[in-house]
Amino acid sequence: MRGQFPAPAAVASIEITSNSVKRGDVIQIGGQPCRVADLIHLPRGAKRLVFESGELLTMHHQTRFIALRVQRRW
């Protein structure tokens, strides 16, 4: 029996802003890695991040974080 293997992926450390944050990004907050599950658009370019743990964080247009992002390669 043959199983399918997942597509190769690389993890990159990138700087994100409210304009570039995506679902699946992992941000370390207080020493805990938090994966973005959903994004809510707010006025003036801000976004509310909903993490898989249920916690919320608001990113204003000037906020910058370093995040881990999985980049799939075909």
N, C-alpha and C. Protein backbone atom coordinates (compact mmCIF):
# COMPACT_ATOMS: atom_id res chain seq x y z
N MET A 1 0.84 -1.17 0.00
CA MET A 1 0.00 0.00 0.00
C MET A 1 0.89 1.24 0.00
N ARG A 2 0.58 2.18 -0.85
CA ARG A 2 1.37 3.40 -0.95
C ARG A 2 0.63 4.57 -0.33
N GLY A 3 1.36 5.35 0.45
CA GLY A 3 0.80 6.57 1.03
C GLY A 3 1.29 7.78 0.27
N GLN A 4 0.56 8.85 0.35
CA GLN A 4 1.01 10.08 -0.29
C GLN A 4 1.83 10.87 0.70
N PHE A 5 2.90 11.45 0.21
CA PHE A 5 3.75 12.26 1.04
C PHE A 5 3.35 13.72 0.87
N PRO A 6 3.40 14.51 1.96
CA PRO A 6 3.06 15.92 1.82
C PRO A 6 4.09 16.64 0.95
N ALA A 7 3.65 17.73 0.34
CA ALA A 7 4.56 18.51 -0.51
C ALA A 7 5.69 19.05 0.35
N PRO A 8 6.91 19.11 -0.19
CA PRO A 8 8.03 19.65 0.58
C PRO A 8 7.73 21.08 1.01
N ALA A 9 8.17 21.42 2.20
CA ALA A 9 7.91 22.77 2.72
C ALA A 9 9.15 23.28 3.43
N ALA A 10 9.30 24.59 3.42
CA ALA A 10 10.39 25.25 4.15
C ALA A 10 9.77 26.27 5.10
N VAL A 11 10.42 26.47 6.22
CA VAL A 11 9.94 27.45 7.18
C VAL A 11 10.87 28.65 7.12
N ALA A 12 10.29 29.84 6.98
CA ALA A 12 11.08 31.07 6.90
C ALA A 12 10.68 32.00 8.04
N SER A 13 11.67 32.69 8.56
CA SER A 13 11.44 33.72 9.57
C SER A 13 11.34 35.05 8.84
N ILE A 14 10.18 35.71 8.95
CA ILE A 14 9.96 36.95 8.20
C ILE A 14 9.38 38.02 9.11
N GLU A 15 9.54 39.27 8.70
CA GLU A 15 8.91 40.38 9.41
C GLU A 15 7.52 40.58 8.81
N ILE A 16 6.52 40.69 9.68
CA ILE A 16 5.16 40.88 9.20
C ILE A 16 4.59 42.18 9.77
N THR A 17 3.65 42.73 9.04
CA THR A 17 2.89 43.89 9.47
C THR A 17 1.40 43.53 9.36
N SER A 18 0.54 44.47 9.67
CA SER A 18 -0.89 44.17 9.55
C SER A 18 -1.28 43.95 8.09
N ASN A 19 -0.49 44.48 7.16
CA ASN A 19 -0.77 44.27 5.73
C ASN A 19 -0.31 42.90 5.23
N SER A 20 0.70 42.33 5.86
CA SER A 20 1.28 41.09 5.33
C SER A 20 0.99 39.85 6.16
N VAL A 21 0.36 39.98 7.31
CA VAL A 21 0.07 38.81 8.15
C VAL A 21 -0.92 37.89 7.43
N LYS A 22 -0.73 36.57 7.59
CA LYS A 22 -1.59 35.58 6.95
C LYS A 22 -2.00 34.52 7.96
N ARG A 23 -3.09 33.82 7.64
CA ARG A 23 -3.47 32.66 8.44
C ARG A 23 -2.34 31.64 8.39
N GLY A 24 -2.07 31.03 9.52
CA GLY A 24 -1.01 30.02 9.58
C GLY A 24 0.31 30.57 10.07
N ASP A 25 0.50 31.89 10.07
CA ASP A 25 1.74 32.47 10.60
C ASP A 25 1.85 32.14 12.08
N VAL A 26 3.07 31.90 12.54
CA VAL A 26 3.31 31.61 13.95
C VAL A 26 4.11 32.76 14.54
N ILE A 27 3.53 33.42 15.56
CA ILE A 27 4.15 34.56 16.22
C ILE A 27 4.44 34.14 17.65
N GLN A 28 5.64 34.44 18.13
CA GLN A 28 5.98 34.10 19.51
C GLN A 28 5.64 35.30 20.39
N ILE A 29 4.74 35.08 21.35
CA ILE A 29 4.29 36.13 22.26
C ILE A 29 4.50 35.64 23.69
N GLY A 30 5.30 36.36 24.44
CA GLY A 30 5.57 35.96 25.83
C GLY A 30 6.21 34.60 25.93
N GLY A 31 7.00 34.23 24.94
CA GLY A 31 7.68 32.94 24.94
C GLY A 31 6.83 31.78 24.44
N GLN A 32 5.57 32.06 24.08
CA GLN A 32 4.67 31.01 23.60
C GLN A 32 4.41 31.19 22.11
N PRO A 33 4.59 30.15 21.30
CA PRO A 33 4.25 30.27 19.88
C PRO A 33 2.74 30.25 19.70
N CYS A 34 2.24 31.21 18.92
CA CYS A 34 0.80 31.32 18.68
C CYS A 34 0.56 31.32 17.17
N ARG A 35 -0.27 30.38 16.70
CA ARG A 35 -0.58 30.28 15.27
C ARG A 35 -1.86 31.05 14.96
N VAL A 36 -1.79 31.89 13.92
CA VAL A 36 -2.94 32.71 13.51
C VAL A 36 -3.97 31.80 12.84
N ALA A 37 -5.19 31.79 13.40
CA ALA A 37 -6.27 30.97 12.86
C ALA A 37 -7.21 31.79 11.98
N ASP A 38 -7.39 33.09 12.33
CA ASP A 38 -8.31 33.93 11.58
C ASP A 38 -7.88 35.38 11.71
N LEU A 39 -8.32 36.21 10.77
CA LEU A 39 -8.01 37.64 10.75
C LEU A 39 -9.30 38.43 10.62
N ILE A 40 -9.41 39.50 11.39
CA ILE A 40 -10.57 40.39 11.30
C ILE A 40 -10.05 41.77 10.94
N HIS A 41 -10.52 42.33 9.82
CA HIS A 41 -10.10 43.66 9.38
C HIS A 41 -10.77 44.73 10.23
N LEU A 42 -9.97 45.69 10.69
CA LEU A 42 -10.45 46.80 11.50
C LEU A 42 -10.16 48.11 10.77
N PRO A 43 -10.74 49.22 11.22
CA PRO A 43 -10.48 50.52 10.58
C PRO A 43 -9.01 50.92 10.68
N ARG A 44 -8.59 51.78 9.76
CA ARG A 44 -7.25 52.38 9.72
C ARG A 44 -6.14 51.35 9.53
N GLY A 45 -6.40 50.27 8.82
CA GLY A 45 -5.37 49.30 8.49
C GLY A 45 -5.02 48.32 9.60
N ALA A 46 -5.74 48.34 10.69
CA ALA A 46 -5.46 47.41 11.79
C ALA A 46 -6.15 46.07 11.52
N LYS A 47 -5.64 45.02 12.17
CA LYS A 47 -6.25 43.70 12.07
C LYS A 47 -6.27 43.06 13.45
N ARG A 48 -7.34 42.34 13.73
CA ARG A 48 -7.42 41.56 14.96
C ARG A 48 -7.08 40.13 14.59
N LEU A 49 -6.04 39.60 15.25
CA LEU A 49 -5.61 38.22 15.00
C LEU A 49 -6.31 37.32 15.99
N VAL A 50 -6.87 36.24 15.50
CA VAL A 50 -7.48 35.21 16.35
C VAL A 50 -6.54 34.00 16.27
N PHE A 51 -6.01 33.61 17.42
CA PHE A 51 -5.08 32.49 17.45
C PHE A 51 -5.83 31.18 17.67
N GLU A 52 -5.19 30.06 17.35
CA GLU A 52 -5.82 28.74 17.52
C GLU A 52 -6.22 28.49 18.97
N SER A 53 -5.53 29.13 19.91
CA SER A 53 -5.84 28.96 21.33
C SER A 53 -7.08 29.76 21.75
N GLY A 54 -7.59 30.62 20.85
CA GLY A 54 -8.75 31.44 21.15
C GLY A 54 -8.41 32.84 21.60
N GLU A 55 -7.13 33.11 21.82
CA GLU A 55 -6.71 34.43 22.25
C GLU A 55 -6.76 35.41 21.09
N LEU A 56 -6.85 36.70 21.42
CA LEU A 56 -6.94 37.76 20.41
C LEU A 56 -5.78 38.72 20.58
N LEU A 57 -5.34 39.30 19.47
CA LEU A 57 -4.31 40.33 19.47
C LEU A 57 -4.64 41.31 18.36
N THR A 58 -4.58 42.60 18.66
CA THR A 58 -4.83 43.61 17.64
C THR A 58 -3.50 44.16 17.14
N MET A 59 -3.30 44.09 15.84
CA MET A 59 -2.12 44.66 15.19
C MET A 59 -2.52 45.96 14.54
N HIS A 60 -1.88 47.05 14.95
CA HIS A 60 -2.13 48.33 14.31
C HIS A 60 -1.24 48.44 13.08
N HIS A 61 -1.47 49.43 12.24
CA HIS A 61 -0.73 49.53 10.99
C HIS A 61 0.78 49.72 11.20
N GLN A 62 1.22 50.17 12.38
CA GLN A 62 2.64 50.37 12.66
C GLN A 62 3.29 49.17 13.36
N THR A 63 2.50 48.20 13.79
CA THR A 63 3.02 47.05 14.52
C THR A 63 3.82 46.15 13.59
N ARG A 64 4.97 45.68 14.09
CA ARG A 64 5.81 44.75 13.33
C ARG A 64 6.19 43.58 14.24
N PHE A 65 6.12 42.37 13.70
CA PHE A 65 6.50 41.16 14.42
C PHE A 65 7.40 40.32 13.52
N ILE A 66 8.17 39.45 14.14
CA ILE A 66 8.89 38.41 13.42
C ILE A 66 8.04 37.15 13.56
N ALA A 67 7.74 36.52 12.43
CA ALA A 67 6.88 35.34 12.44
C ALA A 67 7.53 34.21 11.64
N LEU A 68 7.10 33.01 11.91
CA LEU A 68 7.49 31.85 11.12
C LEU A 68 6.37 31.57 10.13
N ARG A 69 6.74 31.37 8.88
CA ARG A 69 5.76 31.08 7.84
C ARG A 69 6.21 29.87 7.06
N VAL A 70 5.30 28.92 6.88
CA VAL A 70 5.60 27.73 6.08
C VAL A 70 5.43 28.10 4.62
N GLN A 71 6.46 27.87 3.84
CA GLN A 71 6.42 28.15 2.41
C GLN A 71 6.48 26.83 1.67
N ARG A 72 5.41 26.51 1.00
CA ARG A 72 5.35 25.24 0.27
C ARG A 72 6.11 25.37 -1.05
N ARG A 73 6.82 24.31 -1.38
CA ARG A 73 7.58 24.28 -2.63
C ARG A 73 7.06 23.14 -3.48
N TRP A 74 6.88 23.41 -4.74
CA TRP A 74 6.34 22.39 -5.65
C TRP A 74 7.43 21.85 -6.48
